[in-house]
Amino acid sequence: MTLPATKPANALAARFEIEPFAEVAFAELAACPLVEPGICMNPLCSQHFAPSRSWQRYCSTVCRKMDELDMRRIGHKAAPALLAWRAGKYEKTNDDLRALSRVGRNYVSRLSSEWWNDRLRRAAERGTK
């Protein structure tokens, strides 16, 4: 496959923009939040606090940034597996791609379960649910 030649000065910057999950699932998260409102979502904190906004999930900027680092750490691990899973999701003839897709799906499932359990364990260590 050859791509058409482009002039770098006129080329568009390659960008992939997708809205955050919290924006896509706003109504669903409002009905069933990942954490109880008024408890910091950072599992290393998990302190009770009085939210100043209905959608506030962290007690402070420090906790939000700490949790973003945790999410980024998991995201970097999950990203290649997500790509592999999707690349072969509907593959019918390439057995190697189907196998790669299956491994990606299994990895994401295991990673999400282990991460969820780790977050629950860290929150429990702080004395909250």
Protein backbone atom coordinates (compact mmCIF):
# COMPACT_ATOMS: atom_id res chain seq x y z
CA MET A 1 0.00 0.00 0.00
CA THR A 2 1.43 3.34 -0.95
CA LEU A 3 0.26 6.60 0.46
CA PRO A 4 -0.08 9.72 -1.68
CA ALA A 5 2.84 12.11 -1.41
CA THR A 6 2.11 15.18 0.68
CA LYS A 7 4.00 18.36 1.16
CA PRO A 8 4.93 18.69 4.84
CA ALA A 9 4.17 22.40 4.90
CA ASN A 10 0.58 21.73 3.83
CA ALA A 11 -0.01 18.49 5.72
CA LEU A 12 -2.48 18.37 8.56
CA ALA A 13 -1.12 17.36 11.93
CA ALA A 14 -2.01 13.80 12.81
CA ARG A 15 -4.47 13.97 15.69
CA PHE A 16 -6.68 11.50 17.43
CA GLU A 17 -9.18 13.16 19.68
CA ILE A 18 -11.86 11.35 21.62
CA GLU A 19 -13.89 12.75 24.44
CA PRO A 20 -13.23 11.44 27.97
CA PHE A 21 -15.33 8.53 29.20
CA ALA A 22 -16.86 10.78 31.87
CA GLU A 23 -18.34 12.95 29.11
CA VAL A 24 -19.66 10.03 27.05
CA ALA A 25 -21.17 8.25 30.06
CA PHE A 26 -22.21 11.32 32.05
CA ALA A 27 -25.82 10.19 32.64
CA GLU A 28 -24.79 6.62 33.43
CA LEU A 29 -22.09 7.73 35.87
CA ALA A 30 -24.56 10.10 37.53
CA ALA A 31 -26.95 7.17 38.05
CA CYS A 32 -24.23 4.73 39.11
CA PRO A 33 -20.97 6.49 40.07
CA LEU A 34 -17.70 4.55 40.27
CA VAL A 35 -17.30 5.84 43.82
CA GLU A 36 -19.79 7.05 46.38
CA PRO A 37 -20.29 10.83 46.09
CA GLY A 38 -18.32 12.62 48.79
CA ILE A 39 -15.57 9.97 48.97
CA CYS A 40 -12.34 10.81 47.17
CA MET A 41 -11.86 8.60 44.09
CA ASN A 42 -8.11 8.39 44.75
CA PRO A 43 -7.85 4.99 46.50
CA LEU A 44 -4.80 6.16 48.45
CA CYS A 45 -6.92 8.91 49.99
CA SER A 46 -10.58 7.74 50.01
CA GLN A 47 -11.41 10.48 52.51
CA HIS A 48 -14.90 11.86 53.00
CA PHE A 49 -15.29 15.42 51.74
CA ALA A 50 -18.03 17.90 50.89
CA PRO A 51 -18.12 18.23 47.06
CA SER A 52 -18.43 21.78 45.79
CA ARG A 53 -19.89 20.44 42.50
CA SER A 54 -22.21 17.49 41.93
CA TRP A 55 -19.68 15.86 39.60
CA GLN A 56 -16.61 16.35 41.84
CA ARG A 57 -14.79 13.04 42.42
CA TYR A 58 -11.63 14.14 44.24
CA CYS A 59 -11.14 16.02 47.49
CA SER A 60 -8.20 18.00 46.09
CA THR A 61 -6.12 18.74 43.02
CA VAL A 62 -3.29 16.65 44.49
CA CYS A 63 -5.56 13.59 44.73
CA ARG A 64 -6.86 14.12 41.20
CA LYS A 65 -3.33 14.33 39.82
CA MET A 66 -2.20 11.25 41.77
CA ASP A 67 -5.14 9.26 40.42
CA GLU A 68 -4.48 10.53 36.88
CA LEU A 69 -0.96 9.10 37.18
CA ASP A 70 -2.45 5.74 38.20
CA MET A 71 -4.85 5.87 35.25
CA ARG A 72 -2.03 6.81 32.88
CA ARG A 73 0.09 3.91 34.20
CA ILE A 74 -2.72 1.45 33.47
CA GLY A 75 -3.61 3.14 30.17
CA HIS A 76 -0.10 2.70 28.83
CA LYS A 77 -0.29 -1.00 29.66
CA ALA A 78 -3.76 -1.44 28.17
CA ALA A 79 -3.37 0.57 24.95
CA PRO A 80 -1.45 -2.03 22.89
CA ALA A 81 -3.84 -4.77 24.01
CA LEU A 82 -6.86 -2.63 23.07
CA LEU A 83 -5.42 -2.08 19.60
CA ALA A 84 -4.68 -5.80 19.17
CA TRP A 85 -8.17 -6.74 20.37
CA ARG A 86 -9.83 -4.38 17.91
CA ALA A 87 -7.52 -5.21 15.00
CA GLY A 88 -8.73 -8.80 14.87
CA LYS A 89 -12.16 -8.50 16.42
CA TYR A 90 -14.03 -9.44 13.23
CA GLU A 91 -11.24 -11.31 11.46
CA LYS A 92 -12.42 -14.48 9.72
CA THR A 93 -9.42 -15.76 7.75
CA ASN A 94 -6.18 -14.69 9.46
CA ASP A 95 -5.70 -17.10 12.37
CA ASP A 96 -2.66 -15.23 13.69
CA LEU A 97 -4.59 -11.95 13.88
CA ARG A 98 -7.52 -13.71 15.55
CA ALA A 99 -5.13 -15.20 18.13
CA LEU A 100 -3.55 -11.78 18.77
CA SER A 101 -7.01 -10.26 19.19
CA ARG A 102 -8.01 -12.98 21.67
CA VAL A 103 -4.85 -12.42 23.73
CA GLY A 104 -5.53 -8.66 23.71
CA ARG A 105 -9.12 -9.19 24.91
CA ASN A 106 -8.02 -11.58 27.65
CA TYR A 107 -5.26 -9.21 28.75
CA VAL A 108 -7.63 -6.25 29.00
CA SER A 109 -10.13 -8.34 30.99
CA ARG A 110 -7.44 -9.54 33.39
CA LEU A 111 -5.87 -6.08 33.71
CA SER A 112 -9.20 -4.41 34.46
CA SER A 113 -10.11 -7.03 37.08
CA GLU A 114 -6.73 -6.85 38.80
CA TRP A 115 -6.72 -3.04 38.71
CA TRP A 116 -10.25 -2.85 40.15
CA ASN A 117 -9.33 -5.26 42.95
CA ASP A 118 -6.13 -3.33 43.65
CA ARG A 119 -8.08 -0.05 43.90
CA LEU A 120 -10.59 -1.69 46.27
CA ARG A 121 -7.74 -3.08 48.39
CA ARG A 122 -6.02 0.32 48.60
CA ALA A 123 -9.29 2.01 49.53
CA ALA A 124 -9.98 -0.64 52.18
CA GLU A 125 -6.55 -0.02 53.67
CA ARG A 126 -7.63 3.59 54.13
CA GLY A 127 -10.70 2.38 56.05
CA THR A 128 -13.39 3.08 53.45
CA LYS A 129 -15.25 0.91 51.00
